[in-house]
Amino acid sequence: MYLHTFGQSPDDYASFEEALKAPEKVKNLNLNCRQVPEFESKINLLQNITVLRIKGCGLTSCPKGVEYLRDLELLSLQDNQLSSLPEALDQLTGLQVINLRGNKFKQFPQVLLKFPELREIDLANNRGLNVSETIGHLSRVPKLDFLYLTGLDLTELPQEIVELTQLQELHLDNNPGMDWEQAIPVLAGMPSLMILNLERNQLEYLPSQIVSLQNIKGLVLDANQELELQELFTNLDQMDGLKVLLLRNNGLQSLPSNTGVLSNLEVLELSGNNFPDQEKNRIISLLPNTNVVF
């Protein structure tokens, strides 16, 4: 599965006061909301920042001066009130990851097309976002390989998504109104897609066209408690490249009799379910070469 390069590290600063004691050493800054005004006034002291996170501060505009952080590689503005980004951000030519989850975007922020190294975009939970228009623009982000379209009330998947030819990981979780009979054939046209997240979609079944996703290596089906597994497993048996399957938090107490067809899996994640010990032993015996996680 995809590994984030920009996770929390011992060098993270959550205190702006501490960061100012040795500003030249600060690489990762998690800014407290009350510190935003001081940050704007002293941003010139923090020129070596590569990761900046400002979460849940009610921001209606991007903090002033962020465009001067020329080494910035990750910018997270999650859970604010943003509906646009300033064009001045186009100076962040090294930006690789932007998190705009949980804001108020209705239109795609055009400045994202100015970041030549951008590879990961999180647009989750921007409920009013024009998704068709957004995907049309995303095809002009040449290195995009990781995209979150979580919680956007999608009912269909725009055909234009097949133009995201470099995309490797796609999150479509928490879109319970999606027409999967329509969406799965569209996903089959994405040549580089390897990891697909469909958790929390109230799935009862996945259409048989799922077998057309022959490049998929990781499939996330967590928290779909009504999902019928016997037919699903029969179809997954035909997906030779599938190596990781996640079925966490599905309220499961047993797996169907045909579980053995998943023998090509390297990892089967079943944590957060309710398997008795006898059933755990049965599953392990059916999948002796698979790392089964309970």
Protein backbone atom coordinates (compact mmCIF):
# COMPACT_ATOMS: atom_id res chain seq x y z
CA MET A 1 0.00 0.00 0.00
CA TYR A 2 0.99 3.61 -0.50
CA LEU A 3 3.36 4.99 2.12
CA HIS A 4 3.21 8.66 2.99
CA THR A 5 6.57 10.36 2.99
CA PHE A 6 5.31 13.27 5.04
CA GLY A 7 4.05 11.72 8.28
CA GLN A 8 4.64 13.02 11.79
CA SER A 9 8.31 13.03 12.78
CA PRO A 10 10.35 13.87 15.89
CA ASP A 11 11.32 17.15 14.19
CA ASP A 12 7.70 18.39 14.08
CA TYR A 13 7.06 21.66 15.89
CA ALA A 14 3.61 22.13 17.40
CA SER A 15 4.69 25.22 19.33
CA PHE A 16 5.40 28.38 17.35
CA GLU A 17 7.32 29.76 20.30
CA GLU A 18 9.67 26.76 20.24
CA ALA A 19 10.06 27.06 16.48
CA LEU A 20 11.18 30.68 16.80
CA LYS A 21 14.04 29.71 19.13
CA ALA A 22 15.86 28.07 16.23
CA PRO A 23 13.84 28.98 13.10
CA GLU A 24 16.53 27.84 10.69
CA LYS A 25 16.11 24.26 11.96
CA VAL A 26 12.33 24.12 11.54
CA LYS A 27 11.23 21.78 8.76
CA ASN A 28 7.78 20.61 9.92
CA LEU A 29 5.37 23.05 11.60
CA ASN A 30 1.91 22.18 12.96
CA LEU A 31 0.51 25.63 13.63
CA ASN A 32 -1.89 26.32 16.49
CA CYS A 33 -4.87 28.44 15.42
CA ARG A 34 -4.16 31.28 17.81
CA GLN A 35 -0.63 31.53 16.44
CA VAL A 36 -1.67 32.26 12.84
CA PRO A 37 -1.41 36.09 13.10
CA GLU A 38 2.09 35.91 14.62
CA PHE A 39 3.08 33.33 12.01
CA GLU A 40 2.05 35.73 9.24
CA SER A 41 4.18 38.51 10.73
CA LYS A 42 7.29 36.36 11.25
CA ILE A 43 7.08 34.01 8.29
CA ASN A 44 10.30 35.48 6.88
CA LEU A 45 12.19 33.75 9.73
CA LEU A 46 11.01 30.27 8.72
CA GLN A 47 12.39 29.90 5.24
CA ASN A 48 13.39 26.22 5.61
CA ILE A 49 9.91 24.81 6.30
CA THR A 50 9.02 21.85 4.08
CA VAL A 51 5.77 20.81 5.84
CA LEU A 52 3.10 23.22 7.09
CA ARG A 53 -0.18 22.13 8.70
CA ILE A 54 -2.94 24.52 9.82
CA LYS A 55 -6.02 22.51 10.77
CA GLY A 56 -9.48 23.51 11.94
CA CYS A 57 -8.87 27.23 12.38
CA GLY A 58 -11.89 28.59 10.50
CA LEU A 59 -9.65 30.24 7.93
CA THR A 60 -11.47 31.92 5.04
CA SER A 61 -8.21 32.77 3.27
CA CYS A 62 -4.75 31.25 3.11
CA PRO A 63 -2.38 32.85 5.65
CA LYS A 64 -0.39 35.70 4.19
CA GLY A 65 3.18 34.97 3.23
CA VAL A 66 2.89 31.20 2.71
CA GLU A 67 4.04 31.79 -0.87
CA TYR A 68 7.47 32.80 0.48
CA LEU A 69 8.12 29.31 1.90
CA ARG A 70 9.99 28.28 -1.23
CA ASP A 71 11.05 24.87 0.17
CA LEU A 72 7.48 23.85 1.03
CA GLU A 73 6.62 20.32 -0.12
CA LEU A 74 3.43 19.67 1.87
CA LEU A 75 0.70 22.20 2.66
CA SER A 76 -2.26 21.05 4.75
CA LEU A 77 -5.16 23.46 5.28
CA GLN A 78 -7.64 20.80 6.40
CA ASP A 79 -10.99 21.60 8.04
CA ASN A 80 -11.12 25.33 7.45
CA GLN A 81 -13.59 27.54 5.53
CA LEU A 82 -11.58 28.11 2.36
CA SER A 83 -13.27 28.49 -1.01
CA SER A 84 -10.27 29.73 -3.01
CA LEU A 85 -6.47 29.90 -2.97
CA PRO A 86 -4.36 32.93 -3.92
CA GLU A 87 -2.54 32.89 -7.24
CA ALA A 88 0.60 34.00 -5.37
CA LEU A 89 1.02 30.38 -4.22
CA ASP A 90 2.35 29.60 -7.70
CA GLN A 91 5.78 30.44 -6.28
CA LEU A 92 5.73 27.11 -4.38
CA THR A 93 7.26 25.24 -7.29
CA GLY A 94 8.41 22.31 -5.12
CA LEU A 95 4.99 21.57 -3.61
CA GLN A 96 4.18 17.85 -3.83
CA VAL A 97 1.19 17.37 -1.51
CA ILE A 98 -1.79 19.63 -0.77
CA ASN A 99 -4.57 18.79 1.69
CA LEU A 100 -7.74 20.86 1.24
CA ARG A 101 -10.03 18.34 2.94
CA GLY A 102 -13.09 19.68 4.74
CA ASN A 103 -13.27 23.17 3.25
CA LYS A 104 -15.83 25.06 1.11
CA PHE A 105 -14.41 24.72 -2.39
CA LYS A 106 -17.02 24.70 -5.14
CA GLN A 107 -14.60 25.27 -8.02
CA PHE A 108 -11.18 23.74 -8.62
CA PRO A 109 -8.45 26.15 -7.40
CA GLN A 110 -6.61 26.93 -10.63
CA VAL A 111 -3.32 27.66 -8.89
CA LEU A 112 -2.89 23.89 -8.38
CA LEU A 113 -2.04 23.71 -12.07
CA LYS A 114 1.08 25.80 -11.39
CA PHE A 115 2.85 23.21 -9.20
CA PRO A 116 5.03 21.06 -11.48
CA GLU A 117 5.88 18.53 -8.72
CA LEU A 118 2.36 18.11 -7.33
CA ARG A 119 1.49 14.43 -6.93
CA GLU A 120 -1.12 14.22 -4.14
CA ILE A 121 -4.35 16.22 -3.80
CA ASP A 122 -6.94 15.80 -1.04
CA LEU A 123 -10.31 17.36 -1.91
CA ALA A 124 -12.36 15.20 0.46
CA ASN A 125 -15.48 16.57 2.13
CA ASN A 126 -15.81 19.70 -0.02
CA ARG A 127 -19.50 18.90 -0.46
CA GLY A 128 -20.30 21.55 -3.06
CA LEU A 129 -17.34 20.84 -5.31
CA ASN A 130 -18.01 20.64 -9.07
CA VAL A 131 -16.41 17.23 -9.49
CA SER A 132 -16.75 16.92 -13.27
CA GLU A 133 -15.04 20.26 -13.83
CA THR A 134 -12.42 19.44 -11.20
CA ILE A 135 -11.45 16.15 -12.84
CA GLY A 136 -11.14 17.92 -16.17
CA HIS A 137 -8.57 20.24 -14.60
CA LEU A 138 -6.78 17.43 -12.76
CA SER A 139 -5.81 15.87 -16.09
CA ARG A 140 -3.44 18.84 -16.42
CA VAL A 141 -1.54 17.91 -13.24
CA PRO A 142 1.10 15.71 -14.91
CA LYS A 143 2.52 13.91 -11.85
CA LEU A 144 -0.74 13.33 -9.98
CA ASP A 145 -0.68 9.81 -8.56
CA PHE A 146 -2.78 10.07 -5.36
CA LEU A 147 -6.28 11.60 -5.16
CA TYR A 148 -8.94 11.85 -2.44
CA LEU A 149 -12.55 12.31 -3.60
CA THR A 150 -13.96 11.16 -0.26
CA GLY A 151 -17.38 12.34 0.92
CA LEU A 152 -18.38 14.35 -2.16
CA ASP A 153 -21.89 12.87 -2.54
CA LEU A 154 -20.95 11.36 -5.89
CA THR A 155 -23.63 9.44 -7.77
CA GLU A 156 -21.59 8.80 -10.92
CA LEU A 157 -17.90 8.84 -11.75
CA PRO A 158 -17.06 11.33 -14.52
CA GLN A 159 -15.68 9.60 -17.60
CA GLU A 160 -12.91 12.21 -17.74
CA ILE A 161 -11.17 10.52 -14.82
CA VAL A 162 -9.60 8.05 -17.28
CA GLU A 163 -7.43 10.98 -18.40
CA LEU A 164 -5.57 10.81 -15.07
CA THR A 165 -3.14 8.40 -16.63
CA GLN A 166 -0.56 8.52 -13.82
CA LEU A 167 -3.01 8.07 -10.95
CA GLN A 168 -2.08 5.09 -8.78
CA GLU A 169 -4.27 5.51 -5.69
CA LEU A 170 -7.87 6.74 -5.61
CA HIS A 171 -10.09 7.27 -2.57
CA LEU A 172 -13.82 7.13 -3.30
CA ASP A 173 -14.84 6.27 0.25
CA ASN A 174 -18.00 7.67 1.87
CA ASN A 175 -19.89 8.19 -1.38
CA PRO A 176 -22.83 5.87 -0.59
CA GLY A 177 -24.98 7.14 -3.47
CA MET A 178 -22.48 6.09 -6.15
CA ASP A 179 -23.76 3.99 -9.06
CA TRP A 180 -21.08 1.29 -9.03
CA GLU A 181 -22.48 -0.36 -12.16
CA GLN A 182 -21.49 2.87 -13.91
CA ALA A 183 -18.32 3.62 -11.95
CA ILE A 184 -16.48 0.29 -12.11
CA PRO A 185 -16.22 0.20 -15.94
CA VAL A 186 -14.91 3.78 -15.84
CA LEU A 187 -12.26 2.79 -13.28
CA ALA A 188 -11.23 -0.07 -15.58
CA GLY A 189 -10.06 2.55 -18.05
CA MET A 190 -7.45 3.97 -15.67
CA PRO A 191 -4.17 2.37 -16.73
CA SER A 192 -2.05 3.09 -13.64
CA LEU A 193 -4.63 2.62 -10.86
CA MET A 194 -3.31 0.16 -8.26
CA ILE A 195 -5.05 1.04 -4.97
CA LEU A 196 -8.77 1.72 -4.63
CA ASN A 197 -10.51 2.75 -1.41
CA LEU A 198 -14.27 2.09 -1.27
CA GLU A 199 -14.80 2.04 2.50
CA ARG A 200 -17.96 3.39 4.17
CA ASN A 201 -20.06 3.22 1.00
CA GLN A 202 -22.93 1.09 2.37
CA LEU A 203 -22.06 -1.51 -0.26
CA GLU A 204 -24.25 -4.59 -0.48
CA TYR A 205 -22.39 -6.01 -3.46
CA LEU A 206 -19.82 -5.04 -6.09
CA PRO A 207 -20.76 -5.64 -9.72
CA SER A 208 -19.07 -8.49 -11.55
CA GLN A 209 -17.23 -5.91 -13.67
CA ILE A 210 -14.85 -5.58 -10.72
CA VAL A 211 -12.82 -8.33 -12.43
CA SER A 212 -11.92 -5.82 -15.15
CA LEU A 213 -9.71 -3.94 -12.65
CA GLN A 214 -6.75 -6.18 -13.42
CA ASN A 215 -4.10 -3.68 -12.29
CA ILE A 216 -5.52 -3.29 -8.78
CA LYS A 217 -3.12 -4.49 -6.09
CA GLY A 218 -4.91 -3.10 -3.02
CA LEU A 219 -8.66 -2.92 -2.39
CA VAL A 220 -10.15 -1.27 0.71
CA LEU A 221 -13.70 -2.36 1.63
CA ASP A 222 -13.74 -1.43 5.31
CA ALA A 223 -16.99 -0.52 7.09
CA ASN A 224 -19.37 -1.94 4.49
CA GLN A 225 -21.33 -4.15 6.87
CA GLU A 226 -23.97 -5.33 4.37
CA LEU A 227 -21.44 -6.48 1.76
CA GLU A 228 -22.13 -9.97 0.36
CA LEU A 229 -18.80 -11.77 0.34
CA GLN A 230 -19.28 -15.12 -1.40
CA GLU A 231 -19.84 -13.68 -4.89
CA LEU A 232 -17.27 -10.97 -4.22
CA PHE A 233 -14.58 -13.56 -3.41
CA THR A 234 -15.43 -15.49 -6.58
CA ASN A 235 -14.86 -12.34 -8.61
CA LEU A 236 -11.71 -11.35 -6.74
CA ASP A 237 -10.25 -14.76 -7.60
CA GLN A 238 -10.09 -13.52 -11.19
CA MET A 239 -8.05 -10.44 -10.23
CA ASP A 240 -4.60 -11.96 -10.44
CA GLY A 241 -2.79 -8.81 -9.37
CA LEU A 242 -4.74 -8.27 -6.14
CA LYS A 243 -2.37 -8.63 -3.19
CA VAL A 244 -3.97 -6.69 -0.32
CA LEU A 245 -7.64 -6.80 0.74
CA LEU A 246 -9.01 -4.80 3.68
CA LEU A 247 -12.31 -5.86 5.28
CA ARG A 248 -11.95 -4.13 8.64
CA ASN A 249 -14.89 -3.10 10.83
CA ASN A 250 -17.49 -5.01 8.82
CA GLY A 251 -19.18 -6.75 11.74
CA LEU A 252 -18.02 -10.13 10.43
CA GLN A 253 -18.21 -13.32 12.50
CA SER A 254 -17.29 -15.71 9.67
CA LEU A 255 -16.09 -15.76 6.06
CA PRO A 256 -17.78 -17.76 3.28
CA SER A 257 -16.88 -21.31 2.31
CA ASN A 258 -15.00 -20.15 -0.80
CA THR A 259 -12.48 -18.02 1.14
CA GLY A 260 -9.69 -20.28 -0.11
CA VAL A 261 -9.94 -18.72 -3.58
CA LEU A 262 -8.11 -15.72 -2.12
CA SER A 263 -4.90 -17.71 -1.88
CA ASN A 264 -2.96 -15.20 -4.02
CA LEU A 265 -3.41 -12.50 -1.40
CA GLU A 266 -0.35 -11.40 0.50
CA VAL A 267 -2.38 -9.56 3.17
CA LEU A 268 -5.99 -9.98 4.32
CA GLU A 269 -6.89 -7.36 6.93
CA LEU A 270 -9.83 -8.40 9.14
CA SER A 271 -9.30 -6.33 12.28
CA GLY A 272 -12.28 -4.75 13.99
CA ASN A 273 -14.55 -7.76 13.34
CA ASN A 274 -15.95 -10.42 15.69
CA PHE A 275 -14.43 -13.73 14.67
CA PRO A 276 -14.39 -16.50 17.28
CA ASP A 277 -11.11 -18.34 17.66
CA GLN A 278 -12.35 -21.40 15.78
CA GLU A 279 -13.21 -19.28 12.75
CA LYS A 280 -9.87 -17.50 12.89
CA ASN A 281 -8.11 -20.86 12.78
CA ARG A 282 -10.26 -21.97 9.83
CA ILE A 283 -9.44 -18.83 7.85
CA ILE A 284 -5.73 -19.19 8.53
CA SER A 285 -5.83 -22.84 7.39
CA LEU A 286 -7.56 -21.84 4.14
CA LEU A 287 -4.96 -19.13 3.43
CA PRO A 288 -1.65 -20.58 4.65
CA ASN A 289 0.48 -18.22 2.50
CA THR A 290 -1.45 -15.08 3.37
CA ASN A 291 -0.75 -12.72 6.26
CA VAL A 292 -4.20 -12.66 7.88
CA VAL A 293 -4.57 -9.85 10.40
CA PHE A 294 -7.35 -10.06 13.00
